[in-house]
Amino acid sequence: MAFTPPVAEQRFVLDHVVHLAELADTDRFAAASSDVVDAVLEGAGQLAAGEWAPLDRAGDTVGAKWTEDGVVMPDGFRAAYRAYVDGGWGTVGVSEAFGGQGLPYVLATAVLETLGAANLSFALAPTLTMGAVEALTHHGSEEQQRLYLPRLASGEWTGTMNLTEPQAGSDVGALKTRAEPRADGIWSITGTKIFISFGDHDLTDNIVHLVLARTPDAPPGTKGLSLFLVPKYRLDADGRPGAPNDVKAVSIEHKMGLHASPTCVLSFGEHGDCAGELIGAEGGGMAAMFTMMNNARLNVGLEGVQVAERATQRAVTYARERIQSAKAGAPGREPVAIIEHPDVRRMLLRMKAQTQAIRALVYYAAGQVDRAALGDARAKQRLDLLTPLAKAHGTDIGCEVADIGIQVHGGMGYVEETGASQHFRDARVTRIYEGTNGIQAADLVGRKLSLDSGATLRALIDEMRRESRGDALLALLDMCEAVGRHMLSVRIEDRLAGSCPFLTMLATAVCGWLMEREGRAVEASGAEPDFAAMKAAAVRFYVDQIVPEALGLNAAATASADALYAVSADAFAA
């Protein structure tokens, strides 16, 4: 199935949800003129449709391969990645000081969405690299920035994030990788990291690993962690890749999906000669890593948008072509395309509405990144609140939409040759990436809910309430406010018990608010008739059918944790 870049939808959201023109009116983002934005969206779409999308099937069926000499990508991937680098697509949202174009982060988000919708597993390479760029921009030394940032920004080199170890998953404080100081100011790194996306590949001539490790005499837990820059190849006197750095991919995982994204087990210092540079202060690893992690969380939420867009396109194409049964209530018994049947229409409209809603949520959060960069403290606080919503709800919906896509295909959806099942297999891990969605919900109720003593949430709800029109949406906003107050008054275990339902309620409310904003905008925009009709239908479906569903989560969001512990752990096996 051919991939169609969603350029019109992206531009509409940038204009009417993000208000990109306001950013372009500032000195920092003055380069984001209307014609430049159009050129970026169109150009990224051409690369995605022409070179990345055709590789998606081979990426799934052939996949990345481990060899003793390193990981080898499927045929065609190296040329397609080179086209990405040569086109400067990685530099869109990077500061001009580091070789970037100085355009808004939210525009880089749109570019990454297009690439990931075309080929989700391939897009993980630039996704992780963007996080490495963010970490070095904020925490790297001048020399590290000079040597590494331009090549990471361009994509000439890729970056990775190395946290997880065999004995330490989400419990980062249990990490055991060691960093020992050497006489030359360099550190010797030893340890093993697992689940490292694009930890090794043959797309570039260097890979820059950002590694959490524990220094001698460091305190236990997360306070004892430092962040290190560990290249696959050490740089020579001219800043070019030189000698190997005793980093080896000892295996790659055999996964449910994302087969073209090599998930590596990396061994550091197996021969005692892995050199790393400290990033920031010793003991400051978590602060530096969270800069990268928060960037990654937004981009993983964007992966939900990517897979939802592709799954929806595939389902719509199939439903328009598949002829089966007469339409109920129609005269005669002439078979029609299944898109004419009410339940198929319901599924497709739900896919459309949910995809548009999470795009609005993720783009809106990305826009707050740019506003925070301009010095807007309120935007920084709102971004902190929205990040767990974007990551968790975006990926929840990505999985839901991919699942519905299989259902639209019927039995053919369960057959690999149609490609519908690949979207679900690829999407499923996104709910686990960068902190499971349960961890995102715990972050929401444990940290973000109390930002500025709850003022950040109250300000968001007040703004949404002023703009909202639908009765169900207003009722949901009232409920979110009440549950938020409840959360701040109960034990932490009760907060955690209701955290996931509450996150879904709040995220649905934000999506409903932004969808209503889009509905008002399309009425006044003079948009192309089919686009306007689809937008109006999707908004109406979301507000009338999806928002009311979230009202039913109140009981789960406010239930005591005691109900969860009414039986022993052993009783679960009964």
Protein backbone atom coordinates (compact mmCIF):
# COMPACT_ATOMS: atom_id res chain seq x y z
CA MET A 1 0.00 0.00 0.00
CA ALA A 2 1.34 3.42 -0.94
CA PHE A 3 1.95 5.86 1.91
CA THR A 4 0.51 9.38 1.65
CA PRO A 5 2.20 11.99 3.87
CA PRO A 6 -0.50 13.76 5.94
CA VAL A 7 0.77 17.21 4.98
CA ALA A 8 -2.58 19.02 4.98
CA GLU A 9 -3.44 17.67 8.42
CA GLN A 10 -0.02 18.53 9.82
CA ARG A 11 -0.17 22.07 8.48
CA PHE A 12 -3.66 22.54 9.89
CA VAL A 13 -2.55 21.44 13.37
CA LEU A 14 0.57 23.60 13.23
CA ASP A 15 -1.54 26.61 12.27
CA HIS A 16 -4.57 26.18 14.52
CA VAL A 17 -3.40 24.14 17.53
CA VAL A 18 0.25 25.14 17.87
CA HIS A 19 -0.20 28.68 16.42
CA LEU A 20 3.11 28.37 14.61
CA ALA A 21 2.81 31.89 13.22
CA GLU A 22 3.27 33.25 16.75
CA LEU A 23 6.58 31.43 17.01
CA ALA A 24 7.67 32.68 13.60
CA ASP A 25 7.07 36.24 14.82
CA THR A 26 9.97 35.89 17.27
CA ASP A 27 13.61 36.55 16.43
CA ARG A 28 14.60 33.02 17.40
CA PHE A 29 12.22 31.32 14.99
CA ALA A 30 11.97 33.98 12.30
CA ALA A 31 13.18 31.45 9.72
CA ALA A 32 9.88 29.53 10.07
CA SER A 33 8.09 31.52 7.38
CA SER A 34 5.02 30.05 5.76
CA ASP A 35 6.85 29.06 2.58
CA VAL A 36 9.67 27.43 4.55
CA VAL A 37 7.18 25.40 6.61
CA ASP A 38 5.42 24.25 3.44
CA ALA A 39 8.73 23.28 1.86
CA VAL A 40 9.81 21.31 4.92
CA LEU A 41 6.53 19.39 5.17
CA GLU A 42 6.43 18.64 1.45
CA GLY A 43 10.10 17.68 1.26
CA ALA A 44 9.94 15.36 4.24
CA GLY A 45 6.85 13.79 2.71
CA GLN A 46 8.67 13.12 -0.55
CA LEU A 47 11.58 11.44 1.25
CA ALA A 48 9.22 9.38 3.39
CA ALA A 49 6.94 8.24 0.59
CA GLY A 50 9.66 7.75 -2.00
CA GLU A 51 12.50 6.14 -0.03
CA TRP A 52 11.49 5.18 3.51
CA ALA A 53 8.01 3.69 3.07
CA PRO A 54 9.04 1.17 0.38
CA LEU A 55 11.52 -0.35 2.87
CA ASP A 56 8.96 -0.91 5.62
CA ARG A 57 8.01 -4.41 4.46
CA ALA A 58 11.60 -5.60 4.04
CA GLY A 59 12.44 -4.11 7.41
CA ASP A 60 9.78 -6.34 8.96
CA THR A 61 10.44 -9.54 7.02
CA VAL A 62 14.24 -9.36 6.69
CA GLY A 63 15.14 -7.18 9.65
CA ALA A 64 18.48 -6.20 11.09
CA LYS A 65 21.02 -9.03 11.40
CA TRP A 66 23.70 -9.55 14.03
CA THR A 67 27.17 -10.63 12.91
CA GLU A 68 30.52 -10.91 14.68
CA ASP A 69 31.55 -7.74 12.86
CA GLY A 70 28.47 -5.78 13.89
CA VAL A 71 24.81 -5.33 13.01
CA VAL A 72 23.88 -5.24 9.32
CA MET A 73 20.75 -3.43 8.14
CA PRO A 74 18.56 -4.74 5.29
CA ASP A 75 19.31 -3.77 1.70
CA GLY A 76 18.26 -0.25 0.83
CA PHE A 77 18.40 1.17 4.35
CA ARG A 78 21.88 2.65 4.02
CA ALA A 79 20.96 4.58 0.86
CA ALA A 80 17.68 5.79 2.39
CA TYR A 81 19.47 6.94 5.52
CA ARG A 82 22.08 8.74 3.44
CA ALA A 83 19.25 10.59 1.69
CA TYR A 84 17.99 11.67 5.13
CA VAL A 85 21.44 12.98 6.07
CA ASP A 86 22.09 14.65 2.72
CA GLY A 87 18.72 16.39 2.89
CA GLY A 88 19.54 17.92 6.27
CA TRP A 89 16.35 16.53 7.85
CA GLY A 90 17.96 15.93 11.22
CA THR A 91 19.01 19.58 11.49
CA VAL A 92 15.51 21.11 11.27
CA GLY A 93 14.98 21.76 14.98
CA VAL A 94 18.63 22.14 16.01
CA SER A 95 20.23 25.48 16.93
CA GLU A 96 22.25 27.16 14.20
CA ALA A 97 25.13 27.30 16.68
CA PHE A 98 25.47 23.55 16.33
CA GLY A 99 24.93 23.22 12.60
CA GLY A 100 21.15 23.22 12.64
CA GLN A 101 18.53 25.27 10.82
CA GLY A 102 17.18 26.99 13.94
CA LEU A 103 13.56 26.08 13.13
CA PRO A 104 10.99 25.27 15.81
CA TYR A 105 11.14 21.91 17.56
CA VAL A 106 7.50 21.35 16.67
CA LEU A 107 8.35 21.48 12.97
CA ALA A 108 11.04 18.84 13.54
CA THR A 109 8.29 16.85 15.27
CA ALA A 110 6.20 16.97 12.11
CA VAL A 111 9.16 15.80 10.03
CA LEU A 112 9.77 12.89 12.39
CA GLU A 113 6.09 11.98 12.33
CA THR A 114 6.15 11.69 8.55
CA LEU A 115 9.28 9.52 8.55
CA GLY A 116 7.95 7.28 11.31
CA ALA A 117 4.58 6.85 9.69
CA ALA A 118 6.41 5.70 6.56
CA ASN A 119 8.72 3.34 8.44
CA LEU A 120 8.34 3.21 12.21
CA SER A 121 11.31 0.99 13.04
CA PHE A 122 13.70 2.97 10.81
CA ALA A 123 12.67 6.25 12.43
CA LEU A 124 13.92 5.09 15.82
CA ALA A 125 17.47 5.93 14.66
CA PRO A 126 16.87 9.69 14.35
CA THR A 127 14.48 9.61 17.33
CA LEU A 128 17.20 8.51 19.75
CA THR A 129 19.73 10.80 18.10
CA MET A 130 17.49 13.79 18.76
CA GLY A 131 17.56 12.90 22.45
CA ALA A 132 21.36 12.74 22.45
CA VAL A 133 21.49 16.16 20.78
CA GLU A 134 19.20 17.55 23.48
CA ALA A 135 21.33 16.12 26.31
CA LEU A 136 24.62 17.43 24.91
CA THR A 137 23.10 20.81 24.11
CA HIS A 138 22.15 21.32 27.75
CA HIS A 139 24.87 19.40 29.60
CA GLY A 140 27.86 18.84 27.31
CA SER A 141 31.12 20.75 27.53
CA GLU A 142 32.07 23.22 24.79
CA GLU A 143 34.53 20.70 23.39
CA GLN A 144 31.95 17.89 23.39
CA GLN A 145 29.46 20.14 21.68
CA ARG A 146 32.02 21.22 19.09
CA LEU A 147 33.11 17.69 18.24
CA TYR A 148 29.84 15.80 18.44
CA LEU A 149 26.79 18.02 18.06
CA PRO A 150 27.14 19.00 14.38
CA ARG A 151 27.55 15.36 13.32
CA LEU A 152 24.74 14.15 15.56
CA ALA A 153 22.45 16.95 14.38
CA SER A 154 23.08 16.11 10.74
CA GLY A 155 22.62 12.41 11.39
CA GLU A 156 26.13 11.70 10.13
CA TRP A 157 26.51 9.94 13.49
CA THR A 158 23.66 8.46 15.54
CA GLY A 159 23.14 8.57 19.30
CA THR A 160 21.85 6.09 21.85
CA MET A 161 20.62 6.13 25.44
CA ASN A 162 22.05 3.43 27.74
CA LEU A 163 20.20 2.90 31.00
CA THR A 164 18.82 -0.61 31.33
CA GLU A 165 20.90 -3.52 32.62
CA PRO A 166 19.98 -7.18 33.14
CA GLN A 167 19.33 -6.66 36.86
CA ALA A 168 17.96 -3.11 36.58
CA GLY A 169 15.02 -2.17 34.40
CA SER A 170 12.90 0.71 35.66
CA ASP A 171 14.88 0.67 38.93
CA VAL A 172 17.66 2.88 37.56
CA GLY A 173 19.27 3.19 40.98
CA ALA A 174 20.28 -0.48 40.79
CA LEU A 175 22.64 0.07 37.83
CA LYS A 176 26.09 -1.49 38.21
CA THR A 177 28.06 -0.27 35.17
CA ARG A 178 31.30 1.22 36.44
CA ALA A 179 33.38 4.25 35.48
CA GLU A 180 36.96 4.42 36.78
CA PRO A 181 39.03 7.61 36.34
CA ARG A 182 42.23 7.46 34.29
CA ALA A 183 45.21 9.75 34.43
CA ASP A 184 44.31 11.54 31.18
CA GLY A 185 40.93 12.79 32.40
CA ILE A 186 39.16 9.99 30.54
CA TRP A 187 37.15 7.30 32.31
CA SER A 188 37.29 3.53 31.80
CA ILE A 189 33.76 2.15 31.38
CA THR A 190 32.86 -1.46 32.16
CA GLY A 191 29.44 -3.09 32.18
CA THR A 192 26.57 -4.46 30.14
CA LYS A 193 23.51 -2.59 28.86
CA ILE A 194 20.43 -4.21 27.35
CA PHE A 195 17.50 -3.08 25.19
CA ILE A 196 19.59 -0.43 23.42
CA SER A 197 17.72 0.69 20.30
CA PHE A 198 20.06 1.12 17.32
CA GLY A 199 22.93 0.25 19.66
CA ASP A 200 24.80 -0.98 16.61
CA HIS A 201 24.25 -0.75 12.84
CA ASP A 202 26.05 -0.03 9.59
CA LEU A 203 24.25 3.19 8.65
CA THR A 204 26.95 5.59 9.89
CA ASP A 205 30.67 5.54 10.61
CA ASN A 206 30.23 6.28 14.31
CA ILE A 207 27.67 5.81 17.09
CA VAL A 208 27.67 8.00 20.19
CA HIS A 209 26.50 6.15 23.30
CA LEU A 210 25.31 8.13 26.32
CA VAL A 211 25.87 5.78 29.25
CA LEU A 212 24.81 5.94 32.88
CA ALA A 213 27.52 4.53 35.14
CA ARG A 214 28.60 4.57 38.77
CA THR A 215 31.89 6.21 39.78
CA PRO A 216 34.12 5.01 42.66
CA ASP A 217 32.83 5.86 46.15
CA ALA A 218 29.57 7.16 44.65
CA PRO A 219 26.55 6.93 46.97
CA PRO A 220 24.02 4.18 46.32
CA GLY A 221 20.90 4.72 44.26
CA THR A 222 20.34 7.32 41.57
CA LYS A 223 22.43 9.97 43.35
CA GLY A 224 25.55 7.96 42.57
CA LEU A 225 25.05 7.91 38.82
CA SER A 226 26.99 9.95 36.26
CA LEU A 227 26.52 10.27 32.51
CA PHE A 228 29.31 9.43 30.06
CA LEU A 229 29.84 9.97 26.36
CA VAL A 230 31.19 6.73 24.87
CA PRO A 231 31.73 6.68 21.07
CA LYS A 232 31.91 3.40 19.17
CA TYR A 233 35.12 4.73 17.60
CA ARG A 234 37.43 7.14 19.38
CA LEU A 235 38.10 10.39 17.59
CA ASP A 236 41.50 11.13 16.10
CA ALA A 237 43.29 14.49 16.24
CA ASP A 238 41.08 15.80 13.44
CA GLY A 239 37.84 14.77 15.16
CA ARG A 240 37.25 11.81 12.84
CA PRO A 241 36.42 8.24 13.89
CA GLY A 242 39.62 6.33 14.56
CA ALA A 243 40.39 3.32 16.75
CA PRO A 244 37.59 1.05 18.03
CA ASN A 245 36.56 1.82 21.61
CA ASP A 246 35.97 -1.63 23.14
CA VAL A 247 32.18 -1.41 22.74
CA LYS A 248 30.58 -4.48 21.23
CA ALA A 249 27.06 -5.57 20.36
CA VAL A 250 27.07 -9.14 21.69
CA SER A 251 23.54 -9.90 20.45
CA ILE A 252 20.27 -8.37 19.26
CA GLU A 253 16.82 -9.24 20.54
CA HIS A 254 14.32 -11.34 18.58
CA LYS A 255 11.25 -9.18 18.97
CA MET A 256 7.52 -9.11 18.35
CA GLY A 257 7.94 -6.18 15.96
CA LEU A 258 10.21 -3.30 14.93
CA HIS A 259 12.48 -5.83 13.26
CA ALA A 260 14.49 -3.17 11.42
CA SER A 261 15.36 -1.48 14.70
CA PRO A 262 18.23 -3.49 16.21
CA THR A 263 17.70 -3.77 19.96
CA CYS A 264 21.16 -4.59 21.24
CA VAL A 265 22.93 -6.04 24.23
CA LEU A 266 26.05 -3.89 24.49
CA SER A 267 29.23 -4.86 26.31
CA PHE A 268 31.46 -1.99 27.44
CA GLY A 269 35.08 -2.60 28.36
CA GLU A 270 35.20 -6.35 27.79
CA HIS A 271 38.95 -5.97 27.15
CA GLY A 272 39.47 -3.19 29.69
CA ASP A 273 39.85 -0.44 27.11
CA CYS A 274 36.52 1.40 26.80
CA ALA A 275 37.05 5.16 27.13
CA GLY A 276 34.31 7.58 28.09
CA GLU A 277 34.03 11.29 28.82
CA LEU A 278 32.03 12.67 31.72
CA ILE A 279 29.04 14.75 30.64
CA GLY A 280 28.29 17.47 33.17
CA ALA A 281 29.17 17.04 36.82
CA GLU A 282 30.02 13.78 38.53
CA GLY A 283 26.83 12.56 40.20
CA GLY A 284 24.71 14.58 37.79
CA GLY A 285 23.79 11.68 35.58
CA MET A 286 20.09 11.58 36.28
CA ALA A 287 19.60 15.29 35.64
CA ALA A 288 21.39 15.00 32.30
CA MET A 289 19.67 11.76 31.37
CA PHE A 290 16.22 13.15 32.12
CA THR A 291 16.85 15.91 29.60
CA MET A 292 17.26 13.16 27.03
CA MET A 293 14.48 11.05 28.54
CA ASN A 294 11.85 13.80 28.44
CA ASN A 295 12.69 14.47 24.80
CA ALA A 296 12.41 10.74 24.12
CA ARG A 297 9.06 10.50 25.92
CA LEU A 298 7.52 13.12 23.67
CA ASN A 299 8.95 11.38 20.63
CA VAL A 300 7.65 7.99 21.77
CA GLY A 301 4.21 9.56 22.12
CA LEU A 302 4.75 10.71 18.55
CA GLU A 303 5.37 7.08 17.59
CA GLY A 304 1.76 6.45 18.59
CA VAL A 305 0.73 9.12 16.08
CA GLN A 306 2.98 7.60 13.44
CA VAL A 307 1.60 4.08 13.67
CA ALA A 308 -1.98 5.31 14.00
CA GLU A 309 -1.67 7.37 10.82
CA ARG A 310 -0.22 4.47 8.82
CA ALA A 311 -2.72 1.93 10.19
CA THR A 312 -5.61 4.27 9.41
CA GLN A 313 -4.43 4.86 5.86
CA ARG A 314 -4.13 1.12 5.28
CA ALA A 315 -7.57 0.38 6.76
CA VAL A 316 -9.28 3.11 4.72
CA THR A 317 -7.68 1.84 1.50
CA TYR A 318 -8.76 -1.72 2.22
CA ALA A 319 -12.30 -0.72 3.22
CA ARG A 320 -12.76 1.25 -0.01
CA GLU A 321 -11.55 -1.66 -2.15
CA ARG A 322 -13.03 -4.70 -0.39
CA ILE A 323 -16.46 -5.54 -1.82
CA GLN A 324 -18.69 -7.61 0.43
CA SER A 325 -22.42 -7.81 1.17
CA ALA A 326 -25.22 -5.40 0.39
CA LYS A 327 -25.64 -2.24 2.41
CA ALA A 328 -28.25 -2.63 5.15
CA GLY A 329 -31.45 -0.75 4.35
CA ALA A 330 -30.51 -0.19 0.70
CA PRO A 331 -32.79 -1.39 -2.13
CA GLY A 332 -31.50 -4.45 -3.99
CA ARG A 333 -28.78 -6.86 -2.93
CA GLU A 334 -25.81 -5.46 -4.81
CA PRO A 335 -22.57 -5.96 -2.82
CA VAL A 336 -20.81 -2.76 -1.81
CA ALA A 337 -17.39 -1.76 -0.52
CA ILE A 338 -17.25 -2.49 3.20
CA ILE A 339 -16.71 1.21 3.91
CA GLU A 340 -20.46 1.56 3.28
CA HIS A 341 -21.36 -0.70 6.24
CA PRO A 342 -22.20 1.16 9.49
CA ASP A 343 -19.88 -0.71 11.84
CA VAL A 344 -16.92 -0.40 9.47
CA ARG A 345 -17.67 3.32 9.21
CA ARG A 346 -17.71 3.50 13.00
CA MET A 347 -14.30 1.84 13.24
CA LEU A 348 -12.76 4.02 10.55
CA LEU A 349 -14.15 7.19 12.05
CA ARG A 350 -12.83 6.19 15.45
CA MET A 351 -9.41 5.59 13.92
CA LYS A 352 -9.50 8.99 12.23
CA ALA A 353 -10.70 10.83 15.33
CA GLN A 354 -8.24 9.20 17.71
CA THR A 355 -5.31 9.74 15.34
CA GLN A 356 -6.15 13.41 14.89
CA ALA A 357 -6.65 13.85 18.63
CA ILE A 358 -3.28 12.42 19.67
CA ARG A 359 -1.53 14.35 16.91
CA ALA A 360 -3.05 17.51 18.37
CA LEU A 361 -1.91 16.53 21.89
CA VAL A 362 1.68 15.68 20.91
CA TYR A 363 2.08 18.71 18.63
CA TYR A 364 0.64 20.99 21.30
CA ALA A 365 3.16 19.63 23.83
CA ALA A 366 5.98 20.05 21.29
CA GLY A 367 4.89 23.65 20.80
CA GLN A 368 5.36 24.17 24.53
CA VAL A 369 9.01 23.11 24.08
CA ASP A 370 9.48 26.04 21.71
CA ARG A 371 7.61 28.48 23.94
CA ALA A 372 9.69 27.37 26.93
CA ALA A 373 12.84 27.95 24.86
CA LEU A 374 11.64 31.51 24.35
CA GLY A 375 11.61 31.98 28.12
CA ASP A 376 7.93 31.27 28.86
CA ALA A 377 8.01 29.71 32.35
CA ARG A 378 4.31 28.85 32.15
CA ALA A 379 4.96 26.85 28.99
CA LYS A 380 7.75 24.91 30.74
CA GLN A 381 5.41 23.95 33.57
CA ARG A 382 2.66 23.00 31.14
CA LEU A 383 5.13 20.89 29.15
CA ASP A 384 6.11 19.04 32.32
CA LEU A 385 2.44 18.28 32.98
CA LEU A 386 1.68 17.25 29.39
CA THR A 387 4.71 15.01 28.80
CA PRO A 388 3.35 11.91 30.59
CA LEU A 389 -0.02 12.46 28.88
CA ALA A 390 1.57 12.68 25.43
CA LYS A 391 3.74 9.62 25.94
CA ALA A 392 1.19 7.33 27.60
CA HIS A 393 -2.02 8.36 25.85
CA GLY A 394 -0.29 8.71 22.50
CA THR A 395 1.00 5.14 22.63
CA ASP A 396 -2.19 3.72 24.15
CA ILE A 397 -4.12 5.15 21.22
CA GLY A 398 -1.50 4.09 18.69
CA CYS A 399 -2.01 0.51 19.83
CA GLU A 400 -5.80 0.88 19.85
CA VAL A 401 -5.89 2.26 16.32
CA ALA A 402 -3.54 -0.44 15.01
CA ASP A 403 -5.76 -3.06 16.64
CA ILE A 404 -8.91 -1.62 15.06
CA GLY A 405 -7.09 -1.62 11.72
CA ILE A 406 -6.72 -5.39 11.96
CA GLN A 407 -10.45 -5.67 12.68
CA VAL A 408 -11.35 -3.59 9.62
CA HIS A 409 -9.39 -6.07 7.50
CA GLY A 410 -11.28 -8.99 9.02
CA GLY A 411 -9.54 -12.32 8.56
CA MET A 412 -7.07 -10.74 6.17
CA GLY A 413 -5.89 -8.51 9.01
CA TYR A 414 -4.52 -11.58 10.76
CA VAL A 415 -2.59 -12.59 7.65
CA GLU A 416 0.88 -11.09 7.47
CA GLU A 417 0.80 -10.31 3.75
CA THR A 418 -1.69 -7.45 4.17
CA GLY A 419 0.66 -5.56 6.53
CA ALA A 420 -2.10 -4.68 9.01
CA SER A 421 -0.71 -6.89 11.76
CA GLN A 422 2.76 -5.36 11.45
CA HIS A 423 1.45 -2.04 12.71
CA PHE A 424 0.16 -3.62 15.91
CA ARG A 425 3.33 -5.66 16.42
CA ASP A 426 5.48 -2.57 15.86
CA ALA A 427 3.34 -0.36 18.09
CA ARG A 428 3.01 -2.59 21.12
CA VAL A 429 6.42 -1.85 22.64
CA THR A 430 5.83 1.90 22.57
CA ARG A 431 3.68 1.54 25.70
CA ILE A 432 6.79 0.13 27.40
CA TYR A 433 9.49 2.42 25.97
CA GLU A 434 11.04 5.22 28.06
CA GLY A 435 9.16 4.28 31.21
CA THR A 436 6.05 2.14 30.92
CA ASN A 437 2.72 3.91 30.72
CA GLY A 438 2.13 2.95 34.33
CA ILE A 439 5.32 4.84 35.21
CA GLN A 440 4.04 7.82 33.23
CA ALA A 441 0.82 7.74 35.23
CA ALA A 442 2.79 7.48 38.48
CA ASP A 443 4.83 10.51 37.39
CA LEU A 444 1.62 12.41 36.71
CA VAL A 445 0.05 11.83 40.13
CA GLY A 446 3.30 11.70 42.10
CA ARG A 447 5.11 14.74 40.70
CA LYS A 448 3.31 16.64 37.99
CA LEU A 449 -0.05 16.96 39.73
CA SER A 450 1.51 19.00 42.51
CA LEU A 451 3.52 21.34 40.27
CA ASP A 452 3.31 24.81 41.74
CA SER A 453 0.98 23.41 44.42
CA GLY A 454 -1.47 22.27 41.75
CA ALA A 455 -1.64 25.65 40.00
CA THR A 456 -0.32 24.26 36.70
CA LEU A 457 -3.18 21.78 36.40
CA ARG A 458 -5.75 24.33 37.56
CA ALA A 459 -4.55 26.85 34.97
CA LEU A 460 -4.83 24.26 32.19
CA ILE A 461 -8.31 23.20 33.25
CA ASP A 462 -9.44 26.81 33.57
CA GLU A 463 -8.22 27.57 30.04
CA MET A 464 -9.89 24.46 28.64
CA ARG A 465 -13.13 25.29 30.44
CA ARG A 466 -13.21 28.82 29.01
CA GLU A 467 -12.93 27.50 25.44
CA SER A 468 -14.96 24.28 25.66
CA ARG A 469 -18.55 24.05 24.47
CA GLY A 470 -19.66 20.41 24.65
CA ASP A 471 -21.61 19.31 27.74
CA ALA A 472 -19.70 16.03 28.02
CA LEU A 473 -16.35 17.79 27.75
CA LEU A 474 -17.28 20.33 30.40
CA ALA A 475 -18.46 17.49 32.65
CA LEU A 476 -15.15 15.70 32.09
CA LEU A 477 -13.18 18.82 32.97
CA ASP A 478 -15.14 19.16 36.21
CA MET A 479 -14.44 15.51 36.95
CA CYS A 480 -10.71 15.87 36.22
CA GLU A 481 -10.52 18.83 38.57
CA ALA A 482 -12.33 16.91 41.32
CA VAL A 483 -10.18 13.79 40.89
CA GLY A 484 -7.05 15.95 40.90
CA ARG A 485 -8.06 17.42 44.26
CA HIS A 486 -8.87 13.94 45.52
CA MET A 487 -5.47 12.65 44.43
CA LEU A 488 -3.68 15.34 46.41
CA SER A 489 -5.60 14.43 49.58
CA VAL A 490 -5.06 10.65 49.72
CA ARG A 491 -2.22 8.20 50.36
CA ILE A 492 0.36 7.75 47.63
CA GLU A 493 -0.72 4.12 47.14
CA ASP A 494 -4.29 5.32 46.47
CA ARG A 495 -3.00 7.85 43.96
CA LEU A 496 -1.06 5.13 42.19
CA ALA A 497 -4.03 2.77 42.16
CA GLY A 498 -6.07 5.31 40.21
CA SER A 499 -3.23 6.88 38.24
CA CYS A 500 -3.75 5.20 34.86
CA PRO A 501 -7.51 5.88 34.68
CA PHE A 502 -6.87 9.48 35.75
CA LEU A 503 -4.21 9.94 33.08
CA THR A 504 -6.63 8.70 30.43
CA MET A 505 -9.36 11.03 31.71
CA LEU A 506 -7.10 14.07 31.66
CA ALA A 507 -5.52 13.23 28.32
CA THR A 508 -8.95 12.70 26.75
CA ALA A 509 -10.06 16.06 28.13
CA VAL A 510 -7.02 17.79 26.61
CA CYS A 511 -7.61 16.02 23.29
CA GLY A 512 -11.28 16.98 23.34
CA TRP A 513 -10.38 20.61 24.01
CA LEU A 514 -7.91 20.67 21.11
CA MET A 515 -10.31 18.85 18.79
CA GLU A 516 -13.01 21.43 19.52
CA ARG A 517 -10.45 24.11 18.71
CA GLU A 518 -9.81 22.40 15.37
CA GLY A 519 -13.54 22.15 14.71
CA ARG A 520 -14.01 25.89 15.15
CA ALA A 521 -10.97 26.61 13.01
CA VAL A 522 -12.01 24.45 10.09
CA GLU A 523 -15.37 26.20 9.86
CA ALA A 524 -13.58 29.51 9.28
CA SER A 525 -10.57 28.29 7.33
CA GLY A 526 -11.99 27.82 3.86
CA ALA A 527 -10.30 24.42 3.72
CA GLU A 528 -10.73 22.02 0.81
CA PRO A 529 -14.27 20.51 1.06
CA ASP A 530 -13.32 16.86 1.67
CA PHE A 531 -10.72 17.85 4.27
CA ALA A 532 -13.20 20.13 6.03
CA ALA A 533 -15.93 17.48 6.01
CA MET A 534 -13.60 14.83 7.43
CA LYS A 535 -12.28 17.19 10.08
CA ALA A 536 -15.78 18.17 11.18
CA ALA A 537 -16.86 14.52 11.34
CA ALA A 538 -13.80 13.49 13.34
CA VAL A 539 -14.28 16.33 15.83
CA ARG A 540 -17.94 15.51 16.27
CA PHE A 541 -17.21 11.80 16.76
CA TYR A 542 -14.50 12.54 19.33
CA VAL A 543 -16.55 14.95 21.39
CA ASP A 544 -19.82 13.00 21.16
CA GLN A 545 -18.55 9.44 21.53
CA ILE A 546 -14.99 9.29 22.91
CA VAL A 547 -15.15 12.05 25.52
CA PRO A 548 -18.21 10.49 27.27
CA GLU A 549 -16.33 7.19 27.59
CA ALA A 550 -13.76 8.89 29.82
CA LEU A 551 -16.49 9.93 32.26
CA GLY A 552 -16.85 6.26 33.16
CA LEU A 553 -13.31 6.14 34.51
CA ASN A 554 -14.13 8.18 37.60
CA ALA A 555 -14.77 5.16 39.82
CA ALA A 556 -11.47 3.54 38.87
CA ALA A 557 -9.55 6.79 39.31
CA THR A 558 -10.84 7.33 42.84
CA ALA A 559 -10.89 3.74 44.11
CA SER A 560 -8.79 2.88 47.15
CA ALA A 561 -5.72 0.71 46.74
CA ASP A 562 -7.14 -1.52 49.48
CA ALA A 563 -9.36 -3.23 46.92
CA LEU A 564 -6.26 -4.29 45.00
CA TYR A 565 -4.76 -5.94 48.08
CA ALA A 566 -7.89 -7.73 49.28
CA VAL A 567 -6.23 -11.01 48.30
CA SER A 568 -2.68 -12.25 48.75
CA ALA A 569 -0.17 -12.54 45.95
CA ASP A 570 -0.55 -16.32 46.15
CA ALA A 571 -4.29 -16.01 45.57
CA PHE A 572 -3.68 -14.59 42.10
CA ALA A 573 -2.47 -18.03 41.08
CA ALA A 574 -5.71 -19.68 42.17
